[in-house]
Amino acid sequence: MTSRAYAAERTIGRLLIGITYVSVGLLAIGFVLMIANGISPLDAGPPLDLRTLGAQLVALDPAGYLWLGLLAVIAAPIGRVLVAAFAYARDADWTMVAVSVAILAVIAIGVGIAAAATV
């Protein structure tokens, strides 16, 4: 493994660790706010609405923190693929760049299909 590849893997590892800590922290805050507001974890939760997420966070609404934590969990592997794609491009490893882009395309198609199905 080259020093450049090692540095990229180290950056990716730090990214995943950081996102994991942020995710767990947000989910924990949301859980504590649920308990403080007398909301049972078994109750049905509100749907995700990105337009009101900021207002939910400011209002200390547990749903906002839980949704943001879940979005961070989902973003972790996507961020890993993005960082890897840039690292491969920097090393001119075009085959792996193509694989990374293909993975991102599959994720985007899946999100698009899911979004279209909920409308």
Protein backbone atom coordinates (compact mmCIF):
# COMPACT_ATOMS: atom_id res chain seq x y z
CA MET A 1 0.00 0.00 0.00
CA THR A 2 1.40 3.39 -0.95
CA SER A 3 1.64 6.20 1.55
CA ARG A 4 -1.04 8.06 -0.41
CA ALA A 5 -3.44 5.12 -0.25
CA TYR A 6 -2.71 4.69 3.44
CA ALA A 7 -3.47 8.38 4.04
CA ALA A 8 -6.73 8.09 2.11
CA GLU A 9 -7.81 5.04 4.09
CA ARG A 10 -6.92 6.82 7.31
CA THR A 11 -9.00 9.84 6.27
CA ILE A 12 -11.91 7.57 5.37
CA GLY A 13 -11.64 5.82 8.73
CA ARG A 14 -11.68 9.12 10.59
CA LEU A 15 -14.67 10.27 8.54
CA LEU A 16 -16.63 7.14 9.44
CA ILE A 17 -15.70 7.38 13.12
CA GLY A 18 -16.69 11.05 13.23
CA ILE A 19 -20.02 10.47 11.52
CA THR A 20 -20.71 7.53 13.83
CA TYR A 21 -20.11 9.66 16.93
CA VAL A 22 -22.30 12.46 15.58
CA SER A 23 -25.06 9.98 14.68
CA VAL A 24 -25.05 8.31 18.07
CA GLY A 25 -25.01 11.69 19.80
CA LEU A 26 -27.98 12.96 17.80
CA LEU A 27 -29.94 9.75 18.36
CA ALA A 28 -29.18 9.88 22.09
CA ILE A 29 -30.34 13.50 22.31
CA GLY A 30 -33.53 12.57 20.47
CA PHE A 31 -34.13 9.65 22.81
CA VAL A 32 -33.60 11.78 25.92
CA LEU A 33 -35.96 14.42 24.52
CA MET A 34 -38.56 11.71 23.87
CA ILE A 35 -38.36 10.60 27.50
CA ALA A 36 -38.51 14.21 28.71
CA ASN A 37 -41.63 14.82 26.60
CA GLY A 38 -43.30 11.58 27.68
CA ILE A 39 -43.18 10.05 24.19
CA SER A 40 -42.97 6.28 24.01
CA PRO A 41 -40.40 4.81 21.60
CA LEU A 42 -43.17 2.48 20.45
CA ASP A 43 -45.39 5.37 19.27
CA ALA A 44 -45.52 6.01 15.54
CA GLY A 45 -43.12 8.76 14.59
CA PRO A 46 -43.68 11.69 12.28
CA PRO A 47 -42.60 11.44 8.65
CA LEU A 48 -39.34 13.00 7.53
CA ASP A 49 -39.82 16.56 6.28
CA LEU A 50 -36.52 18.18 5.39
CA ARG A 51 -38.14 21.62 5.19
CA THR A 52 -39.03 21.59 8.89
CA LEU A 53 -35.95 19.75 10.19
CA GLY A 54 -34.15 22.96 11.21
CA ALA A 55 -37.20 24.27 13.04
CA GLN A 56 -37.56 20.93 14.83
CA LEU A 57 -33.95 21.11 16.00
CA VAL A 58 -34.33 24.66 17.29
CA ALA A 59 -37.59 23.73 19.04
CA LEU A 60 -35.88 20.71 20.67
CA ASP A 61 -38.38 18.41 18.98
CA PRO A 62 -37.13 14.83 19.45
CA ALA A 63 -38.15 13.89 15.90
CA GLY A 64 -35.71 16.40 14.44
CA TYR A 65 -32.76 14.95 16.32
CA LEU A 66 -33.77 11.37 15.57
CA TRP A 67 -34.20 12.08 11.85
CA LEU A 68 -30.90 13.97 11.66
CA GLY A 69 -29.15 11.09 13.44
CA LEU A 70 -30.63 8.59 11.01
CA LEU A 71 -29.66 10.75 8.03
CA ALA A 72 -26.11 10.88 9.36
CA VAL A 73 -26.05 7.07 9.63
CA ILE A 74 -27.21 6.83 6.02
CA ALA A 75 -24.66 9.44 4.90
CA ALA A 76 -21.67 7.56 6.36
CA PRO A 77 -21.25 4.92 3.65
CA ILE A 78 -22.05 7.46 0.94
CA GLY A 79 -19.36 9.76 2.31
CA ARG A 80 -16.93 6.85 2.37
CA VAL A 81 -17.52 6.14 -1.32
CA LEU A 82 -17.16 9.84 -2.20
CA VAL A 83 -13.86 10.19 -0.37
CA ALA A 84 -12.60 6.96 -1.95
CA ALA A 85 -13.58 8.20 -5.43
CA PHE A 86 -11.58 11.40 -4.94
CA ALA A 87 -8.61 9.43 -3.60
CA TYR A 88 -8.71 7.08 -6.58
CA ALA A 89 -8.98 10.03 -8.98
CA ARG A 90 -5.98 11.67 -7.35
CA ASP A 91 -4.03 8.45 -7.93
CA ALA A 92 -5.37 8.19 -11.52
CA ASP A 93 -6.94 4.79 -10.77
CA TRP A 94 -9.77 5.28 -13.26
CA THR A 95 -11.18 1.78 -12.91
CA MET A 96 -11.82 2.32 -9.22
CA VAL A 97 -13.18 5.82 -9.90
CA ALA A 98 -15.67 4.21 -12.29
CA VAL A 99 -16.63 1.62 -9.67
CA SER A 100 -17.12 4.37 -7.08
CA VAL A 101 -19.25 6.42 -9.45
CA ALA A 102 -21.29 3.32 -10.32
CA ILE A 103 -21.93 2.68 -6.61
CA LEU A 104 -23.04 6.28 -6.15
CA ALA A 105 -25.31 5.97 -9.19
CA VAL A 106 -26.95 2.85 -7.77
CA ILE A 107 -27.52 4.65 -4.46
CA ALA A 108 -28.98 7.68 -6.28
CA ILE A 109 -31.29 5.48 -8.34
CA GLY A 110 -32.48 3.70 -5.18
CA VAL A 111 -33.15 6.99 -3.42
CA GLY A 112 -34.95 8.32 -6.49
CA ILE A 113 -37.16 5.26 -6.74
CA ALA A 114 -37.97 5.39 -3.03
CA ALA A 115 -38.76 9.11 -3.23
CA ALA A 116 -41.01 8.60 -6.24
CA ALA A 117 -42.85 5.78 -4.50
CA THR A 118 -43.69 7.94 -1.48
CA VAL A 119 -45.11 10.83 -3.50
